[in-house]
C-alpha cells in the first residue's frame, strides 16, 4: 500500500530561487508540450506520445540552455503527467489546460529522495538539503516526492512511501454495524442513528472579510507593490479557509470510518449540482467531493465497506410506509405522509432510506 506524507519545508533564499526555477521550467515545458500536441493534431492529425516528446528534450535543452539548471527527471515527469492527462481526457475527463505562473506551483521528483537528520535531499539540493518539519513519523520506503508552493509563499513536500501494508479485507456487511449518511447544505451530514453534524460554513463566515480584502486589492495601483501585498492578504485568508475545511473533513471522515464497518452513501452529481447558482457556493463550501474521496481511501486503510445508492433514488421522498411524495420541495424540511400520517424529518428520513436502499441493493447483488 502506498501512502503520502505531507510536510512543510523551509528552504533558504538560495534554495527558494532554485525551487522557483524548477516550478517555472516545468511549467514552461508543460505549456510548450501541450501546444506542440495541439498543433500537431490540428494540422496533421498526429498524436505525439511522451516518448516522442522526450526524444526532443535534448534538442530543447540545447536551444534553451537554462533548462539544464533543474533536475532532468522532473522535466521528464512533466511529459509523463501530460500523457496521463490526455489519457484521462479520452476517458471522459476535462481537456488538459495550460499552466499559469499565478496560484499554486509544483514539480515532481520521481526518485533519489532522502530524508535525514531533519533535512530533505533531492537532486540539485544534495549538498546541504532543505530543512523539513517532520511533525509526524515518516514510515515506509520512499518512492517519490512532489514539491509545492502555495500562493502565500509556503513550501511543502508530499512524500509517497510504500508502507509495506496490505489493503485490509473488508468487514462483513451487517445491518447492525452499518450507518446511512445523508450529506446536506443546512447540516453537513445527518446519520441514520440521528447524529447531526453541523455545517461549519468556513467560507460563508469569512465572506465579509474576504470581500473587504478583495475590494482593497482591486483598488490598488496595477503592477504596484501595494497591490501585491493586498492580494497576498487575500491568499492568506483563502489558505486559512482551506486549512479549516480540510481539518474538519479529516476529523469527520476518520470518526465515521473508525466507528462503523459499513457506510452507506448517496451518489452525488456534484459537478451538475453546482450549476444551480443558488446553491453553488454552499455546495462548494461543504466540499462533498473531497469528503467522499477521503472516505474512499480511508475505507481501504481500515477495511470498511462503502455502499452507494443511485443518485435518483427517492431517499428524501419515501416514507417508512413506502409512499413516495413526488411533490416534495427542497424547502420542505418536514413533511407529513398523506398515506399513513407519519411526520417525516427530511434529512433523518433520507439517511435511513440511504441505509435501507444500499443494504437491499447489496443483498440483491450478493444473493440474486
Protein backbone atom coordinates (compact mmCIF):
# COMPACT_ATOMS: atom_id res chain seq x y z
CA UNK A 1 0.00 0.00 0.00
CA UNK A 2 1.20 3.49 -0.82
CA UNK A 3 0.70 6.49 1.46
CA UNK A 4 1.65 10.13 1.05
CA UNK A 5 3.10 12.15 3.91
CA UNK A 6 2.96 15.91 3.59
CA UNK A 7 5.39 18.19 5.45
CA UNK A 8 6.30 21.83 5.42
CA UNK A 9 9.81 22.68 4.24
CA UNK A 10 11.89 25.77 4.94
CA UNK A 11 14.30 26.47 2.04
CA UNK A 12 16.81 29.29 2.43
CA UNK A 13 16.90 32.17 -0.05
CA UNK A 14 19.29 30.41 -2.43
CA UNK A 15 17.19 27.26 -2.36
CA UNK A 16 13.98 29.24 -2.90
CA UNK A 17 15.44 30.70 -6.09
CA UNK A 18 16.29 27.22 -7.38
CA UNK A 19 12.87 25.86 -6.41
CA UNK A 20 11.17 28.72 -8.26
CA UNK A 21 13.28 27.83 -11.31
CA UNK A 22 12.04 24.26 -11.08
CA UNK A 23 8.44 25.48 -10.96
CA UNK A 24 8.95 27.82 -13.90
CA UNK A 25 10.92 25.42 -16.11
CA UNK A 26 8.44 22.58 -15.55
CA UNK A 27 5.55 24.94 -16.29
CA UNK A 28 7.29 26.14 -19.47
CA UNK A 29 7.82 22.55 -20.67
CA UNK A 30 4.21 21.59 -19.92
CA UNK A 31 2.82 24.55 -21.88
CA UNK A 32 5.23 24.00 -24.78
CA UNK A 33 4.49 20.26 -24.97
CA UNK A 34 0.74 20.87 -24.77
CA UNK A 35 0.94 23.47 -27.53
CA UNK A 36 3.01 21.06 -29.64
CA UNK A 37 0.49 18.25 -29.23
CA UNK A 38 -2.46 20.52 -30.03
CA UNK A 39 -0.77 21.96 -33.14
CA UNK A 40 0.41 18.54 -34.40
CA UNK A 41 -3.05 17.04 -34.12
CA UNK A 42 -4.91 20.02 -35.57
CA UNK A 43 -2.54 20.38 -38.53
CA UNK A 44 -1.75 16.78 -39.47
CA UNK A 45 -3.79 14.55 -37.11
CA UNK A 46 -0.59 13.34 -35.40
CA UNK A 47 -0.78 12.50 -31.69
CA UNK A 48 2.68 12.61 -30.08
CA UNK A 49 3.20 10.30 -27.10
CA UNK A 50 5.52 11.12 -24.22
CA UNK A 51 8.43 9.12 -25.64
CA UNK A 52 8.41 11.13 -28.87
CA UNK A 53 8.33 14.34 -26.87
CA UNK A 54 11.12 13.13 -24.57
CA UNK A 55 13.32 12.44 -27.59
CA UNK A 56 13.04 16.14 -28.44
CA UNK A 57 14.05 17.21 -24.92
CA UNK A 58 17.80 17.03 -25.66
CA UNK A 59 17.47 19.42 -28.60
CA UNK A 60 15.25 21.65 -26.50
CA UNK A 61 17.94 21.88 -23.79
CA UNK A 62 20.48 22.90 -26.42
CA UNK A 63 18.13 25.63 -27.62
CA UNK A 64 17.17 26.77 -24.11
CA UNK A 65 20.35 26.30 -22.10
CA UNK A 66 18.68 27.38 -18.85
CA UNK A 67 16.63 24.15 -18.78
CA UNK A 68 19.81 22.39 -17.61
CA UNK A 69 19.60 24.27 -14.29
CA UNK A 70 16.89 21.94 -12.96
CA UNK A 71 16.52 18.22 -12.36
CA UNK A 72 16.16 16.45 -15.72
CA UNK A 73 13.93 13.73 -14.25
CA UNK A 74 11.46 16.38 -13.09
CA UNK A 75 11.27 17.62 -16.68
CA UNK A 76 10.62 14.10 -17.92
CA UNK A 77 7.87 13.71 -15.32
CA UNK A 78 6.12 16.72 -16.85
CA UNK A 79 5.79 14.88 -20.17
CA UNK A 80 4.64 11.72 -18.40
CA UNK A 81 1.97 13.66 -16.49
CA UNK A 82 0.82 15.35 -19.69
CA UNK A 83 0.45 11.93 -21.32
CA UNK A 84 -1.64 10.75 -18.35
CA UNK A 85 -3.79 13.88 -18.60
CA UNK A 86 -4.52 13.08 -22.25
CA UNK A 87 -5.46 9.50 -21.38
CA UNK A 88 -7.87 10.78 -18.71
CA UNK A 89 -9.33 13.17 -21.29
CA UNK A 90 -10.11 10.29 -23.65
CA UNK A 91 -11.83 8.53 -20.75
CA UNK A 92 -14.15 11.48 -20.16
CA UNK A 93 -12.15 13.96 -18.04
CA UNK A 94 -11.55 17.58 -19.00
CA UNK A 95 -9.02 18.60 -21.62
CA UNK A 96 -5.53 19.47 -20.24
CA UNK A 97 -5.10 23.17 -19.51
CA UNK A 98 -2.14 25.49 -19.85
CA UNK A 99 -0.45 26.28 -16.54
CA UNK A 100 -0.19 29.79 -15.13
CA UNK A 101 2.60 31.33 -13.07
CA UNK A 102 -0.07 32.61 -10.69
CA UNK A 103 -1.54 30.41 -7.96
CA UNK A 104 -0.14 27.15 -6.63
CA UNK A 105 3.04 25.73 -8.21
CA UNK A 106 4.54 22.24 -8.06
CA UNK A 107 7.01 19.81 -9.62
CA UNK A 108 7.58 16.08 -9.25
CA UNK A 109 10.76 14.28 -8.16
CA UNK A 110 10.43 10.62 -9.27
CA UNK A 111 13.45 9.19 -7.42
CA UNK A 112 16.60 9.84 -5.35
CA UNK A 113 14.62 11.34 -2.46
CA UNK A 114 16.05 11.06 1.06
CA UNK A 115 15.17 12.46 4.49
CA UNK A 116 17.99 12.51 7.02
CA UNK A 117 18.62 14.50 10.20
CA UNK A 118 15.66 16.79 9.67
CA UNK A 119 16.60 17.67 6.09
CA UNK A 120 15.18 16.75 2.69
CA UNK A 121 17.64 15.70 -0.01
CA UNK A 122 16.56 15.73 -3.66
CA UNK A 123 18.54 16.15 -6.92
CA UNK A 124 20.08 19.64 -7.21
CA UNK A 125 19.68 20.02 -3.41
CA UNK A 126 22.01 17.25 -2.22
CA UNK A 127 24.76 19.48 -0.81
CA UNK A 128 23.01 20.72 2.34
CA UNK A 129 19.43 19.57 1.88
CA UNK A 130 16.27 21.53 2.70
CA UNK A 131 15.08 21.93 6.27
CA UNK A 132 11.89 19.91 6.82
CA UNK A 133 9.40 19.88 9.70
CA UNK A 134 8.72 16.20 10.42
CA UNK A 135 5.64 16.77 12.55
CA UNK A 136 4.78 13.06 12.24
CA UNK A 137 6.88 9.98 11.60
CA UNK A 138 7.75 9.05 8.02
CA UNK A 139 7.03 5.34 7.52
CA UNK A 140 7.91 3.01 4.66
CA UNK A 141 10.21 3.12 1.66
CA UNK A 142 10.35 6.49 -0.09
CA UNK A 143 9.36 6.24 -3.75
CA UNK A 144 8.95 9.83 -4.95
CA UNK A 145 8.16 13.38 -3.84
CA UNK A 146 6.22 16.41 -5.01
CA UNK A 147 7.39 19.89 -4.05
CA UNK A 148 4.69 22.57 -4.00
CA UNK A 149 4.32 26.24 -3.19
CA UNK A 150 1.09 27.91 -2.13
CA UNK A 151 0.05 31.40 -3.31
CA UNK A 152 1.02 32.59 0.19
CA UNK A 153 4.65 31.59 -0.40
CA UNK A 154 4.71 28.48 1.83
CA UNK A 155 6.63 25.45 0.58
CA UNK A 156 5.53 21.85 1.14
CA UNK A 157 6.74 18.38 0.16
CA UNK A 158 4.46 15.39 -0.29
CA UNK A 159 6.47 12.17 0.02
CA UNK A 160 4.99 8.99 -1.43
CA UNK A 161 6.01 5.87 0.50
CA UNK A 162 5.46 2.14 0.20
CA UNK A 163 4.39 1.29 3.74
CA UNK A 164 4.55 -2.49 3.17
CA UNK A 165 0.98 -2.88 4.37
CA UNK A 166 -1.65 -4.89 2.57
CA UNK A 167 -5.11 -3.47 1.95
CA UNK A 168 -7.32 -4.86 4.70
CA UNK A 169 -10.10 -7.27 3.87
CA UNK A 170 -13.50 -5.65 4.01
CA UNK A 171 -15.69 -6.35 7.01
CA UNK A 172 -18.84 -8.42 6.60
CA UNK A 173 -21.82 -6.26 5.74
CA UNK A 174 -24.25 -6.33 8.66
CA UNK A 175 -27.23 -4.07 9.27
CA UNK A 176 -26.30 -3.64 12.95
CA UNK A 177 -22.84 -2.28 12.09
CA UNK A 178 -23.98 -0.17 9.14
CA UNK A 179 -24.81 3.52 9.02
CA UNK A 180 -26.51 5.73 6.45
CA UNK A 181 -25.15 9.24 5.88
CA UNK A 182 -27.08 12.00 4.15
CA UNK A 183 -24.97 14.98 3.11
CA UNK A 184 -26.65 18.36 3.01
CA UNK A 185 -26.24 22.12 2.98
CA UNK A 186 -28.18 23.15 6.08
CA UNK A 187 -26.42 20.47 8.13
CA UNK A 188 -23.22 18.97 6.78
CA UNK A 189 -24.41 15.43 7.45
CA UNK A 190 -27.17 13.53 9.23
CA UNK A 191 -26.71 9.86 10.07
CA UNK A 192 -29.32 7.12 10.33
CA UNK A 193 -28.57 6.97 14.07
CA UNK A 194 -29.87 10.54 14.44
CA UNK A 195 -26.49 12.25 14.77
CA UNK A 196 -26.47 15.72 13.22
CA UNK A 197 -23.10 17.11 12.12
CA UNK A 198 -23.40 20.87 11.81
CA UNK A 199 -22.10 22.62 8.72
CA UNK A 200 -19.25 24.94 9.84
CA UNK A 201 -19.58 27.13 6.69
CA UNK A 202 -15.98 28.34 6.79
CA UNK A 203 -16.26 30.32 3.55
CA UNK A 204 -19.58 31.94 4.43
CA UNK A 205 -18.30 33.01 7.85
CA UNK A 206 -15.25 34.67 6.27
CA UNK A 207 -17.03 36.07 3.22
CA UNK A 208 -17.48 39.62 4.54
CA UNK A 209 -13.79 39.92 5.42
CA UNK A 210 -12.83 38.34 2.10
CA UNK A 211 -14.88 40.88 0.15
CA UNK A 212 -13.21 43.75 2.01
CA UNK A 213 -9.73 42.46 1.26
CA UNK A 214 -10.56 41.81 -2.39
CA UNK A 215 -12.03 45.29 -2.80
CA UNK A 216 -8.92 46.86 -1.26
CA UNK A 217 -6.66 44.85 -3.54
CA UNK A 218 -8.59 45.76 -6.69
CA UNK A 219 -8.37 49.46 -5.82
CA UNK A 220 -4.58 49.40 -5.58
CA UNK A 221 -2.44 50.59 -8.46
CA UNK A 222 -1.85 47.85 -11.03
CA UNK A 223 1.63 46.25 -11.01
CA UNK A 224 2.42 48.09 -7.77
CA UNK A 225 3.97 46.58 -4.66
CA UNK A 226 0.97 47.55 -2.52
CA UNK A 227 -1.33 45.63 -4.85
CA UNK A 228 0.81 42.51 -4.45
CA UNK A 229 0.73 42.88 -0.67
CA UNK A 230 -3.05 43.33 -0.73
CA UNK A 231 -3.58 40.20 -2.84
CA UNK A 232 -1.25 38.30 -0.52
CA UNK A 233 -3.67 39.04 2.33
CA UNK A 234 -6.49 37.65 0.19
CA UNK A 235 -4.45 34.50 -0.47
CA UNK A 236 -3.67 34.10 3.23
CA UNK A 237 -7.37 34.21 4.11
CA UNK A 238 -8.18 31.68 1.37
CA UNK A 239 -5.44 29.42 2.74
CA UNK A 240 -6.90 29.70 6.23
CA UNK A 241 -10.37 28.73 4.98
CA UNK A 242 -8.92 25.77 3.09
CA UNK A 243 -6.97 24.55 6.14
CA UNK A 244 -10.06 24.85 8.37
CA UNK A 245 -12.16 22.90 5.88
CA UNK A 246 -9.60 20.10 5.43
CA UNK A 247 -9.15 19.75 9.18
CA UNK A 248 -12.92 19.43 9.65
CA UNK A 249 -13.32 16.90 6.80
CA UNK A 250 -10.45 14.74 8.07
CA UNK A 251 -11.88 14.61 11.59
CA UNK A 252 -15.42 13.75 10.47
CA UNK A 253 -14.36 11.15 7.88
CA UNK A 254 -11.94 9.45 10.29
CA UNK A 255 -14.58 9.32 13.04
CA UNK A 256 -17.14 7.72 10.71
CA UNK A 257 -14.64 5.17 9.40
CA UNK A 258 -13.45 4.15 12.86
CA UNK A 259 -16.92 3.84 14.39
CA UNK A 260 -18.64 1.82 11.62
CA UNK A 261 -18.00 -1.25 9.49
CA UNK A 262 -20.26 -0.21 6.60
CA UNK A 263 -21.07 3.33 5.47
CA UNK A 264 -23.96 3.89 3.07
CA UNK A 265 -23.89 7.00 0.91
CA UNK A 266 -25.81 8.58 -1.92
CA UNK A 267 -24.12 9.01 -5.30
CA UNK A 268 -23.97 12.77 -5.86
CA UNK A 269 -23.52 14.58 -9.17
CA UNK A 270 -21.67 17.49 -7.58
CA UNK A 271 -20.49 18.87 -10.93
CA UNK A 272 -24.10 19.14 -12.08
CA UNK A 273 -25.42 20.42 -8.76
CA UNK A 274 -23.06 23.41 -8.64
CA UNK A 275 -24.66 24.67 -11.86
CA UNK A 276 -27.52 25.80 -9.62
CA UNK A 277 -26.26 29.31 -8.80
CA UNK A 278 -28.45 29.49 -5.71
CA UNK A 279 -26.66 26.54 -4.12
CA UNK A 280 -23.26 26.53 -5.84
CA UNK A 281 -21.38 28.43 -3.14
CA UNK A 282 -22.85 26.40 -0.27
CA UNK A 283 -22.15 23.10 -2.03
CA UNK A 284 -18.57 24.12 -2.81
CA UNK A 285 -18.07 25.28 0.77
CA UNK A 286 -19.21 21.85 2.03
CA UNK A 287 -16.68 20.02 -0.21
CA UNK A 288 -18.75 16.87 -0.68
CA UNK A 289 -16.41 15.51 -3.36
CA UNK A 290 -13.34 15.80 -1.12
CA UNK A 291 -15.25 14.24 1.78
CA UNK A 292 -16.25 11.27 -0.38
CA UNK A 293 -12.66 10.91 -1.60
CA UNK A 294 -11.41 10.79 1.99
CA UNK A 295 -13.95 8.13 2.93
CA UNK A 296 -12.93 6.01 -0.07
CA UNK A 297 -9.21 5.82 0.64
CA UNK A 298 -9.61 5.60 4.42
CA UNK A 299 -12.04 2.71 3.97
CA UNK A 300 -9.17 0.76 2.34
CA UNK A 301 -6.91 1.50 5.30
CA UNK A 302 -9.42 0.29 7.90
CA UNK A 303 -11.26 -2.42 5.89
CA UNK A 304 -14.61 -0.59 5.92
CA UNK A 305 -17.30 -1.08 3.27
CA UNK A 306 -18.60 1.87 1.26
CA UNK A 307 -22.03 1.23 -0.29
CA UNK A 308 -23.74 3.72 -2.58
CA UNK A 309 -27.25 4.13 -3.87
CA UNK A 310 -28.32 5.59 -7.20
CA UNK A 311 -28.39 9.39 -7.34
CA UNK A 312 -32.02 9.26 -8.50
CA UNK A 313 -33.23 7.08 -5.61
CA UNK A 314 -36.06 8.93 -3.76
CA UNK A 315 -34.37 8.80 -0.36
CA UNK A 316 -35.95 12.03 0.92
CA UNK A 317 -39.37 11.34 -0.57
CA UNK A 318 -40.02 7.76 0.55
CA UNK A 319 -41.98 7.41 3.78
CA UNK A 320 -41.46 4.48 6.14
CA UNK A 321 -44.75 3.05 4.86
CA UNK A 322 -43.39 3.05 1.29
CA UNK A 323 -45.38 6.02 -0.03
CA UNK A 324 -43.34 8.30 -2.34
CA UNK A 325 -44.08 12.01 -2.09
CA UNK A 326 -43.18 13.20 -5.60
CA UNK A 327 -44.44 16.73 -4.82
CA UNK A 328 -41.86 17.32 -2.06
CA UNK A 329 -39.99 20.61 -2.50
CA UNK A 330 -36.39 21.27 -1.50
CA UNK A 331 -37.51 23.93 1.01
CA UNK A 332 -39.73 21.46 2.91
CA UNK A 333 -37.63 20.05 5.74
CA UNK A 334 -40.55 18.32 7.49
CA UNK A 335 -43.48 16.69 5.73
CA UNK A 336 -46.50 14.60 6.70
CA UNK A 337 -47.32 11.43 4.81
CA UNK A 338 -50.83 11.53 3.34
CA UNK A 339 -50.89 7.73 3.32
CA UNK A 340 -50.09 6.87 6.97
CA UNK A 341 -49.92 10.30 8.66
CA UNK A 342 -46.28 9.87 9.73
CA UNK A 343 -44.29 13.08 10.33
CA UNK A 344 -41.01 12.79 8.46
CA UNK A 345 -37.88 14.84 9.09
CA UNK A 346 -36.36 15.08 5.66
CA UNK A 347 -32.65 14.60 6.42
CA UNK A 348 -33.12 11.84 9.01
CA UNK A 349 -35.55 10.07 6.69
CA UNK A 350 -33.04 10.32 3.84
CA UNK A 351 -30.24 8.86 5.98
CA UNK A 352 -32.38 5.88 7.00
CA UNK A 353 -33.54 5.30 3.43
CA UNK A 354 -29.98 5.51 2.12
CA UNK A 355 -29.02 2.74 4.54
CA UNK A 356 -32.10 0.70 3.66
CA UNK A 357 -31.70 1.05 -0.12
CA UNK A 358 -27.94 0.37 -0.02
CA UNK A 359 -28.30 -2.81 2.05
CA UNK A 360 -31.16 -4.07 -0.13
CA UNK A 361 -29.12 -3.44 -3.26
CA UNK A 362 -26.08 -5.18 -1.74
CA UNK A 363 -28.10 -8.20 -0.68
CA UNK A 364 -29.66 -8.35 -4.13
CA UNK A 365 -26.23 -8.38 -5.77
CA UNK A 366 -24.84 -10.99 -3.36
CA UNK A 367 -27.91 -13.25 -3.31
CA UNK A 368 -29.67 -12.91 -6.69
